Amino acid sequence: MWDKVAGMQMKNYKRDGIHKVAYWIDGEEVSEGIWKRRYVAAIEAENELLHEKLAQIFELI
């Protein structure tokens, strides 16, 4: 689910026996908070676009 937005990646890895997660946006490592805020903003923008398309379909019906 977390790799649905283009340019955004979440990578799991182990270092020294400890599970770690790295967050990347367009090839740049960022903090978890920044990554999640931008991910939510991208998903909300996509959702809004889909709602507009759906409204246009209902207008035609």
N, C-alpha and C. Protein backbone atom coordinates (compact mmCIF):
# COMPACT_ATOMS: atom_id res chain seq x y z
N MET A 1 0.81 -1.19 0.00
CA MET A 1 0.00 0.00 0.00
C MET A 1 0.86 1.26 0.00
N TRP A 2 1.97 1.26 0.67
CA TRP A 2 2.75 2.48 0.85
C TRP A 2 3.54 2.90 -0.38
N ASP A 3 3.60 2.08 -1.41
CA ASP A 3 4.35 2.44 -2.60
C ASP A 3 3.42 2.81 -3.75
N LYS A 4 2.26 3.36 -3.47
CA LYS A 4 1.27 3.70 -4.49
C LYS A 4 1.54 5.07 -5.12
N VAL A 5 2.30 5.93 -4.47
CA VAL A 5 2.55 7.27 -4.99
C VAL A 5 3.90 7.28 -5.71
N ALA A 6 3.90 7.78 -6.94
CA ALA A 6 5.12 7.81 -7.73
C ALA A 6 6.20 8.65 -7.05
N GLY A 7 7.42 8.14 -7.03
CA GLY A 7 8.54 8.86 -6.45
C GLY A 7 8.71 8.66 -4.96
N MET A 8 7.77 7.97 -4.32
CA MET A 8 7.86 7.78 -2.88
C MET A 8 8.08 6.30 -2.58
N GLN A 9 9.10 6.03 -1.78
CA GLN A 9 9.43 4.65 -1.44
C GLN A 9 9.67 4.53 0.06
N MET A 10 9.35 3.36 0.57
CA MET A 10 9.63 3.02 1.95
C MET A 10 10.41 1.71 1.90
N LYS A 11 11.62 1.71 2.45
CA LYS A 11 12.46 0.52 2.39
C LYS A 11 12.74 0.00 3.79
N ASN A 12 12.49 -1.29 3.97
CA ASN A 12 12.78 -1.97 5.23
C ASN A 12 14.14 -2.63 5.12
N TYR A 13 14.93 -2.57 6.19
CA TYR A 13 16.21 -3.25 6.21
C TYR A 13 16.62 -3.53 7.64
N LYS A 14 17.61 -4.39 7.79
CA LYS A 14 18.14 -4.70 9.11
C LYS A 14 19.58 -4.23 9.18
N ARG A 15 19.91 -3.57 10.26
CA ARG A 15 21.29 -3.16 10.48
C ARG A 15 21.65 -3.52 11.91
N ASP A 16 22.70 -4.26 12.05
CA ASP A 16 23.16 -4.69 13.37
C ASP A 16 22.07 -5.41 14.15
N GLY A 17 21.24 -6.19 13.42
CA GLY A 17 20.19 -6.97 14.05
C GLY A 17 18.96 -6.16 14.43
N ILE A 18 18.92 -4.89 14.05
CA ILE A 18 17.79 -4.03 14.39
C ILE A 18 17.03 -3.68 13.12
N HIS A 19 15.72 -3.84 13.17
CA HIS A 19 14.88 -3.52 12.03
C HIS A 19 14.78 -2.00 11.87
N LYS A 20 15.03 -1.52 10.66
CA LYS A 20 14.97 -0.08 10.38
C LYS A 20 14.10 0.14 9.14
N VAL A 21 13.59 1.35 9.01
CA VAL A 21 12.81 1.74 7.84
C VAL A 21 13.38 3.06 7.33
N ALA A 22 13.61 3.13 6.02
CA ALA A 22 14.09 4.37 5.41
C ALA A 22 12.99 4.89 4.49
N TYR A 23 12.77 6.18 4.51
CA TYR A 23 11.74 6.82 3.70
C TYR A 23 12.41 7.69 2.65
N TRP A 24 12.00 7.51 1.39
CA TRP A 24 12.62 8.21 0.28
C TRP A 24 11.56 8.93 -0.56
N ILE A 25 11.86 10.16 -0.95
CA ILE A 25 11.02 10.90 -1.89
C ILE A 25 11.94 11.38 -3.01
N ASP A 26 11.66 10.93 -4.21
CA ASP A 26 12.45 11.30 -5.39
C ASP A 26 13.95 11.09 -5.17
N GLY A 27 14.30 9.98 -4.56
CA GLY A 27 15.70 9.62 -4.36
C GLY A 27 16.37 10.30 -3.19
N GLU A 28 15.66 11.08 -2.41
CA GLU A 28 16.23 11.76 -1.25
C GLU A 28 15.62 11.19 0.02
N GLU A 29 16.46 10.81 0.97
CA GLU A 29 15.96 10.26 2.22
C GLU A 29 15.38 11.38 3.07
N VAL A 30 14.18 11.14 3.61
CA VAL A 30 13.48 12.14 4.44
C VAL A 30 13.00 11.47 5.72
N SER A 31 12.55 12.28 6.66
CA SER A 31 12.05 11.74 7.92
C SER A 31 10.69 11.08 7.70
N GLU A 32 10.31 10.26 8.64
CA GLU A 32 9.03 9.55 8.55
C GLU A 32 7.86 10.54 8.54
N GLY A 33 7.92 11.58 9.35
CA GLY A 33 6.84 12.55 9.43
C GLY A 33 6.63 13.29 8.11
N ILE A 34 7.72 13.75 7.52
CA ILE A 34 7.63 14.44 6.23
C ILE A 34 7.07 13.50 5.17
N TRP A 35 7.58 12.27 5.15
CA TRP A 35 7.15 11.29 4.15
C TRP A 35 5.65 11.02 4.27
N LYS A 36 5.17 10.82 5.49
CA LYS A 36 3.75 10.50 5.69
C LYS A 36 2.85 11.69 5.36
N ARG A 37 3.27 12.91 5.72
CA ARG A 37 2.46 14.09 5.38
C ARG A 37 2.35 14.25 3.87
N ARG A 38 3.44 14.09 3.16
CA ARG A 38 3.40 14.23 1.70
C ARG A 38 2.63 13.08 1.06
N TYR A 39 2.73 11.88 1.62
CA TYR A 39 1.98 10.74 1.10
C TYR A 39 0.48 10.99 1.24
N VAL A 40 0.07 11.45 2.42
CA VAL A 40 -1.35 11.72 2.66
C VAL A 40 -1.83 12.84 1.73
N ALA A 41 -1.04 13.87 1.55
CA ALA A 41 -1.43 14.97 0.66
C ALA A 41 -1.60 14.47 -0.77
N ALA A 42 -0.71 13.60 -1.23
CA ALA A 42 -0.80 13.05 -2.59
C ALA A 42 -2.04 12.18 -2.75
N ILE A 43 -2.33 11.36 -1.76
CA ILE A 43 -3.51 10.49 -1.82
C ILE A 43 -4.79 11.34 -1.77
N GLU A 44 -4.82 12.38 -0.94
CA GLU A 44 -6.00 13.24 -0.86
C GLU A 44 -6.22 13.98 -2.18
N ALA A 45 -5.15 14.44 -2.82
CA ALA A 45 -5.28 15.12 -4.11
C ALA A 45 -5.83 14.17 -5.17
N GLU A 46 -5.34 12.94 -5.18
CA GLU A 46 -5.85 11.94 -6.11
C GLU A 46 -7.32 11.64 -5.83
N ASN A 47 -7.69 11.54 -4.56
CA ASN A 47 -9.07 11.28 -4.17
C ASN A 47 -9.98 12.42 -4.63
N GLU A 48 -9.54 13.65 -4.47
CA GLU A 48 -10.33 14.80 -4.91
C GLU A 48 -10.54 14.77 -6.42
N LEU A 49 -9.51 14.43 -7.17
CA LEU A 49 -9.62 14.32 -8.62
C LEU A 49 -10.63 13.25 -9.01
N LEU A 50 -10.60 12.12 -8.33
CA LEU A 50 -11.55 11.05 -8.62
C LEU A 50 -12.98 11.46 -8.28
N HIS A 51 -13.16 12.23 -7.21
CA HIS A 51 -14.50 12.72 -6.86
C HIS A 51 -15.03 13.66 -7.95
N GLU A 52 -14.15 14.50 -8.49
CA GLU A 52 -14.57 15.41 -9.56
C GLU A 52 -14.99 14.63 -10.81
N LYS A 53 -14.23 13.59 -11.14
CA LYS A 53 -14.58 12.75 -12.30
C LYS A 53 -15.91 12.04 -12.07
N LEU A 54 -16.12 11.56 -10.87
CA LEU A 54 -17.37 10.88 -10.54
C LEU A 54 -18.55 11.84 -10.62
N ALA A 55 -18.35 13.07 -10.17
CA ALA A 55 -19.42 14.07 -10.26
C ALA A 55 -19.77 14.36 -11.73
N GLN A 56 -18.78 14.40 -12.60
CA GLN A 56 -19.04 14.62 -14.02
C GLN A 56 -19.84 13.45 -14.61
N ILE A 57 -19.54 12.26 -14.20
CA ILE A 57 -20.28 11.08 -14.69
C ILE A 57 -21.73 11.16 -14.24
N PHE A 58 -21.97 11.53 -12.98
CA PHE A 58 -23.34 11.63 -12.48
C PHE A 58 -24.11 12.74 -13.18
N GLU A 59 -23.42 13.81 -13.57
CA GLU A 59 -24.09 14.89 -14.30
C GLU A 59 -24.58 14.39 -15.66
N LEU A 60 -23.84 13.49 -16.28
CA LEU A 60 -24.21 12.95 -17.58
C LEU A 60 -25.39 11.98 -17.48
N ILE A 61 -25.53 11.35 -16.34
CA ILE A 61 -26.61 10.37 -16.15
C ILE A 61 -27.84 11.12 -15.85
